[in-house]
Amino acid sequence: MLYDLSLEIIYDYATPANSGRHALRLMPAHLEGEQRLVSGNIRLSPGPTERRDRTDFFGNAVTDVVYRKSHSELRFRLNARIDRIATPAELDISPPLKALGRELTAIQSLGPEEPVHFLAPSPRLPQAPAFAVYAEEHLNHSMSTISVVEAIGKALRQDMTFDVEATTVDTPALEAFERRHGVCQDYSHIMIACLRSVGIPAGYVSGFLRTIPPEGQARLEGADAMHAWVRAWCGIEIGWIEYDPTNALRVGQDHIVVARGRDYGDATPVKGVLRTSGSQTTSHKVDVIPR
């Protein structure tokens, strides 16, 4: 399915920033057999002093920008056309969870797609016994790996409350889990930590989700938002699957992938530093329009 995507992020500084460096992971990914980036561009206002486009270790498109002149506002604008490819539902031939470890030990490669990078604790997801306890409550080790992934995802959807006021981008996953309140980033981090705790490699995906309005109602401009979900490695035969715990469903054509990594830190849409004082405000608007 073809989509036209637009994104605008605006930063307003109470006191002008006289310099800054930012790394942008905003461009949708080109993924063979999954998603085709037909066209895309990122525009910045004001124009940066320096700009470099590169690919990081996990294959994500990154735009590095440097500002050396004073500015009180910063705008990032993305326009892209994406062909999200439909993939047929596969048979569940994933190994039982108790056998997954043997398949992991058979993999010798250290490439960016290999599950070895997604099993240990990562910078934003330290190990915590609470995740293992919760995961064990919702599985038995004779279940297939895919069944375990889906069981934990559905349990989180039932036990968590979506609450945009409950957390910030820096809230630890354990804190959000203890409150049972959060947003898609929290749901995804918690699910990743639960899966890793029982031996399933899992990673973080940032992207966009098309919002479908209720029947008979007009679609709202800017109603779509950046979203996050989970990748889980389910054995040599199946490989990676993606699951959206916020909505308790397998990822499909309405999910547009931007970046993948171990946790939010590897896929942060905008990361950087600047020299300024005082407060700042941020706003963003996203539109995902089927063609």
Protein backbone atom coordinates (compact mmCIF):
# COMPACT_ATOMS: atom_id res chain seq x y z
CA MET A 1 0.00 0.00 0.00
CA LEU A 2 1.30 3.46 -0.93
CA TYR A 3 1.37 6.21 1.67
CA ASP A 4 2.27 9.88 1.54
CA LEU A 5 3.85 10.86 4.83
CA SER A 6 4.52 14.34 6.23
CA LEU A 7 6.06 15.27 9.55
CA GLU A 8 6.89 18.64 11.08
CA ILE A 9 8.72 19.06 14.40
CA ILE A 10 9.11 22.59 15.81
CA TYR A 11 11.39 23.66 18.67
CA ASP A 12 10.92 27.13 20.18
CA TYR A 13 13.63 28.42 22.52
CA ALA A 14 12.89 31.07 25.17
CA THR A 15 16.49 32.25 24.73
CA PRO A 16 18.15 31.90 21.31
CA ALA A 17 20.50 28.95 20.95
CA ASN A 18 23.86 30.02 19.56
CA SER A 19 24.98 26.51 18.54
CA GLY A 20 23.72 22.96 18.34
CA ARG A 21 24.30 19.46 17.00
CA HIS A 22 21.48 17.03 16.19
CA ALA A 23 21.16 13.49 14.85
CA LEU A 24 17.85 12.86 13.07
CA ARG A 25 16.36 9.41 12.55
CA LEU A 26 13.22 10.46 10.69
CA MET A 27 13.48 9.02 7.18
CA PRO A 28 11.41 5.83 6.69
CA ALA A 29 13.50 2.74 6.10
CA HIS A 30 13.95 0.90 2.81
CA LEU A 31 13.52 -2.78 3.75
CA GLU A 32 13.73 -5.47 1.09
CA GLY A 33 10.45 -7.37 0.88
CA GLU A 34 8.84 -5.27 3.64
CA GLN A 35 8.83 -1.59 2.77
CA ARG A 36 10.01 0.49 -0.17
CA LEU A 37 11.03 4.13 0.20
CA VAL A 38 9.84 5.61 -3.08
CA SER A 39 11.02 9.15 -2.33
CA GLY A 40 11.84 11.29 0.67
CA ASN A 41 13.45 14.50 1.80
CA ILE A 42 14.21 16.26 5.06
CA ARG A 43 14.18 20.07 5.13
CA LEU A 44 15.51 22.17 7.97
CA SER A 45 14.79 25.76 8.89
CA PRO A 46 17.03 27.59 9.42
CA GLY A 47 19.49 25.80 7.18
CA PRO A 48 22.32 24.12 9.11
CA THR A 49 25.98 25.10 8.94
CA GLU A 50 26.86 21.48 8.20
CA ARG A 51 24.81 18.45 7.15
CA ARG A 52 25.81 14.83 6.65
CA ASP A 53 23.61 11.86 5.74
CA ARG A 54 24.82 8.43 6.86
CA THR A 55 23.73 4.95 7.93
CA ASP A 56 24.27 3.72 11.49
CA PHE A 57 25.26 0.23 12.69
CA PHE A 58 21.67 -1.04 12.64
CA GLY A 59 21.07 0.23 9.08
CA ASN A 60 19.03 3.28 10.07
CA ALA A 61 19.23 6.44 7.96
CA VAL A 62 20.70 9.28 10.04
CA THR A 63 20.97 12.98 9.17
CA ASP A 64 23.60 14.81 11.25
CA VAL A 65 23.29 18.61 11.37
CA VAL A 66 25.41 21.32 12.99
CA TYR A 67 24.36 24.89 13.80
CA ARG A 68 26.91 27.59 14.60
CA LYS A 69 24.60 30.62 14.27
CA SER A 70 22.06 31.93 16.74
CA HIS A 71 18.48 30.70 16.26
CA SER A 72 15.33 30.93 18.38
CA GLU A 73 13.30 28.37 16.43
CA LEU A 74 14.16 25.11 14.69
CA ARG A 75 11.93 23.23 12.25
CA PHE A 76 12.43 19.75 10.84
CA ARG A 77 10.14 18.80 7.95
CA LEU A 78 9.92 15.33 6.42
CA ASN A 79 8.02 14.40 3.27
CA ALA A 80 8.12 10.85 1.98
CA ARG A 81 6.26 8.33 -0.14
CA ILE A 82 6.37 4.75 1.10
CA ASP A 83 5.16 1.47 -0.36
CA ARG A 84 4.35 -0.81 2.57
CA ILE A 85 4.36 -4.37 1.24
CA ALA A 86 1.75 -6.85 2.45
CA THR A 87 3.25 -10.04 3.86
CA PRO A 88 1.14 -13.20 4.17
CA ALA A 89 0.62 -14.66 7.62
CA GLU A 90 3.15 -17.40 8.22
CA LEU A 91 2.62 -20.78 9.84
CA ASP A 92 3.93 -20.91 13.38
CA ILE A 93 7.01 -23.07 12.93
CA SER A 94 8.94 -21.30 15.66
CA PRO A 95 10.62 -23.62 18.17
CA PRO A 96 9.29 -24.14 21.69
CA LEU A 97 10.73 -21.54 24.02
CA LYS A 98 12.77 -24.22 25.79
CA ALA A 99 14.54 -25.00 22.49
CA LEU A 100 15.19 -21.42 21.36
CA GLY A 101 18.52 -21.25 23.20
CA ARG A 102 19.95 -24.10 21.10
CA GLU A 103 19.11 -22.21 17.91
CA LEU A 104 20.72 -19.05 19.27
CA THR A 105 23.99 -20.85 19.99
CA ALA A 106 24.13 -22.05 16.37
CA ILE A 107 24.45 -18.46 15.07
CA GLN A 108 28.05 -17.33 14.78
CA SER A 109 27.62 -14.02 12.93
CA LEU A 110 27.82 -10.61 14.65
CA GLY A 111 26.03 -8.69 11.88
CA PRO A 112 23.57 -5.94 12.86
CA GLU A 113 20.52 -8.16 12.27
CA GLU A 114 21.76 -11.01 14.44
CA PRO A 115 19.85 -11.76 17.66
CA VAL A 116 22.97 -11.68 19.84
CA HIS A 117 22.71 -7.87 20.01
CA PHE A 118 19.16 -8.00 21.34
CA LEU A 119 19.30 -10.47 24.21
CA ALA A 120 21.41 -8.75 26.86
CA PRO A 121 20.39 -5.64 28.83
CA SER A 122 20.83 -2.41 26.85
CA PRO A 123 21.46 1.19 28.01
CA ARG A 124 17.79 2.03 28.61
CA LEU A 125 16.75 -1.47 29.65
CA PRO A 126 18.76 -2.81 32.58
CA GLN A 127 17.81 -6.21 33.93
CA ALA A 128 15.09 -6.25 36.63
CA PRO A 129 13.51 -9.31 38.31
CA ALA A 130 10.00 -7.83 38.01
CA PHE A 131 10.02 -8.31 34.24
CA ALA A 132 10.98 -11.98 34.49
CA VAL A 133 8.32 -12.62 37.13
CA TYR A 134 5.63 -11.04 34.96
CA ALA A 135 6.74 -12.89 31.84
CA GLU A 136 6.81 -16.27 33.59
CA GLU A 137 3.24 -15.72 34.79
CA HIS A 138 2.01 -15.65 31.19
CA LEU A 139 3.84 -18.58 29.59
CA ASN A 140 4.98 -22.12 29.86
CA HIS A 141 8.22 -23.25 28.29
CA SER A 142 6.49 -25.72 25.96
CA MET A 143 4.75 -22.87 24.13
CA SER A 144 6.11 -21.88 20.73
CA THR A 145 8.25 -18.75 20.75
CA ILE A 146 5.69 -16.82 18.69
CA SER A 147 2.96 -17.83 21.13
CA VAL A 148 5.04 -16.48 24.01
CA VAL A 149 5.57 -13.17 22.21
CA GLU A 150 1.85 -12.81 21.56
CA ALA A 151 0.86 -13.88 25.08
CA ILE A 152 3.09 -11.28 26.73
CA GLY A 153 1.98 -8.59 24.29
CA LYS A 154 -1.70 -9.28 24.94
CA ALA A 155 -1.15 -9.35 28.70
CA LEU A 156 0.49 -5.94 28.65
CA ARG A 157 -2.35 -4.51 26.58
CA GLN A 158 -4.78 -5.77 29.21
CA ASP A 159 -2.80 -4.75 32.29
CA MET A 160 -1.43 -1.38 31.16
CA THR A 161 -3.36 1.89 30.75
CA PHE A 162 -2.43 4.19 27.88
CA ASP A 163 -1.79 7.57 29.51
CA VAL A 164 0.10 10.39 27.80
CA GLU A 165 0.45 12.26 31.11
CA ALA A 166 1.99 9.38 33.06
CA THR A 167 5.50 9.32 31.66
CA THR A 168 8.09 11.30 29.73
CA VAL A 169 10.61 10.17 27.14
CA ASP A 170 13.14 9.64 29.98
CA THR A 171 10.93 7.62 32.35
CA PRO A 172 12.59 4.26 33.13
CA ALA A 173 10.70 1.22 31.86
CA LEU A 174 10.53 -0.29 35.34
CA GLU A 175 8.87 2.84 36.72
CA ALA A 176 6.24 2.82 33.95
CA PHE A 177 5.70 -0.90 34.56
CA GLU A 178 5.19 -0.42 38.29
CA ARG A 179 2.62 2.30 37.60
CA ARG A 180 1.00 0.24 34.81
CA HIS A 181 0.57 3.51 32.91
CA GLY A 182 2.43 4.84 29.89
CA VAL A 183 2.60 5.35 26.15
CA CYS A 184 3.81 3.28 23.21
CA GLN A 185 7.48 3.76 24.12
CA ASP A 186 6.79 2.38 27.61
CA TYR A 187 4.71 -0.55 26.36
CA SER A 188 7.49 -1.46 23.93
CA HIS A 189 10.32 -1.13 26.44
CA ILE A 190 8.45 -3.23 28.99
CA MET A 191 7.67 -5.95 26.47
CA ILE A 192 11.29 -6.03 25.26
CA ALA A 193 12.53 -6.41 28.85
CA CYS A 194 10.02 -9.21 29.51
CA LEU A 195 10.99 -11.12 26.36
CA ARG A 196 14.71 -10.82 27.03
CA SER A 197 14.19 -12.03 30.60
CA VAL A 198 12.95 -15.40 29.28
CA GLY A 199 15.59 -15.74 26.56
CA ILE A 200 13.85 -14.20 23.52
CA PRO A 201 15.96 -11.59 21.67
CA ALA A 202 13.89 -8.43 21.27
CA GLY A 203 14.42 -4.92 19.94
CA TYR A 204 12.74 -1.55 19.51
CA VAL A 205 11.13 -0.14 16.37
CA SER A 206 10.20 3.50 15.84
CA GLY A 207 7.92 4.58 13.05
CA PHE A 208 4.48 5.81 12.12
CA LEU A 209 1.04 4.30 12.50
CA ARG A 210 -1.83 5.31 10.26
CA THR A 211 -4.82 6.35 12.31
CA ILE A 212 -8.08 5.09 10.84
CA PRO A 213 -11.04 7.33 11.80
CA PRO A 214 -14.40 5.83 12.89
CA GLU A 215 -16.70 4.97 10.00
CA GLY A 216 -18.47 8.02 8.65
CA GLN A 217 -16.14 10.54 10.28
CA ALA A 218 -13.58 12.70 8.53
CA ARG A 219 -9.91 11.99 9.07
CA LEU A 220 -8.25 14.63 11.25
CA GLU A 221 -5.22 16.48 9.93
CA GLY A 222 -2.17 15.78 12.06
CA ALA A 223 -3.99 13.00 13.91
CA ASP A 224 -1.30 10.44 13.20
CA ALA A 225 1.70 10.25 15.49
CA MET A 226 5.10 8.70 15.75
CA HIS A 227 4.73 5.24 17.21
CA ALA A 228 6.83 2.43 18.65
CA TRP A 229 6.59 -1.35 18.71
CA VAL A 230 8.69 -4.49 19.22
CA ARG A 231 10.79 -6.90 17.16
CA ALA A 232 11.26 -10.41 18.46
CA TRP A 233 13.53 -13.15 17.10
CA CYS A 234 11.56 -16.39 16.96
CA GLY A 235 14.06 -18.94 15.69
CA ILE A 236 16.14 -19.68 12.61
CA GLU A 237 13.18 -20.66 10.40
CA ILE A 238 10.96 -17.68 11.26
CA GLY A 239 13.54 -15.01 12.09
CA TRP A 240 12.17 -11.65 13.22
CA ILE A 241 8.51 -10.81 13.74
CA GLU A 242 7.09 -7.45 14.85
CA TYR A 243 4.38 -6.94 17.46
CA ASP A 244 2.58 -3.79 18.61
CA PRO A 245 1.82 -4.21 22.35
CA THR A 246 0.01 -0.87 22.60
CA ASN A 247 -2.68 -2.27 20.31
CA ALA A 248 -2.11 -6.01 20.94
CA LEU A 249 -1.61 -6.95 17.30
CA ARG A 250 0.98 -8.15 14.83
CA VAL A 251 2.46 -5.32 12.82
CA GLY A 252 0.93 -4.86 9.38
CA GLN A 253 0.62 -2.44 6.49
CA ASP A 254 -0.48 0.47 8.69
CA HIS A 255 2.90 0.46 10.47
CA ILE A 256 5.69 2.35 8.69
CA VAL A 257 9.20 1.53 9.93
CA VAL A 258 11.70 4.35 10.47
CA ALA A 259 14.43 2.94 12.73
CA ARG A 260 15.32 -0.23 14.62
CA GLY A 261 17.63 -0.83 17.55
CA ARG A 262 18.07 -2.32 21.01
CA ASP A 263 15.92 0.32 22.70
CA TYR A 264 14.73 3.90 22.21
CA GLY A 265 18.28 5.21 22.45
CA ASP A 266 19.21 3.51 19.15
CA ALA A 267 16.13 4.84 17.33
CA THR A 268 15.58 8.31 18.83
CA PRO A 269 13.94 10.53 16.19
CA VAL A 270 15.85 13.66 17.28
CA LYS A 271 18.89 13.51 19.53
CA GLY A 272 21.39 16.27 20.17
CA VAL A 273 22.88 19.05 22.25
CA LEU A 274 22.62 22.83 22.06
CA ARG A 275 24.01 25.86 23.82
CA THR A 276 21.24 27.99 25.29
CA SER A 277 19.52 28.93 28.54
CA GLY A 278 15.92 29.04 29.62
CA SER A 279 13.05 26.80 28.59
CA GLN A 280 11.96 25.36 25.27
CA THR A 281 8.73 24.01 23.82
CA THR A 282 8.24 21.30 21.22
CA SER A 283 5.33 20.51 18.94
CA HIS A 284 4.88 18.08 16.09
CA LYS A 285 2.32 17.11 13.47
CA VAL A 286 2.17 13.90 11.44
CA ASP A 287 -0.01 12.92 8.50
CA VAL A 288 -0.03 9.44 6.95
CA ILE A 289 -2.30 9.45 3.91
CA PRO A 290 -3.06 6.36 1.79
CA ARG A 291 -2.85 7.00 -1.96
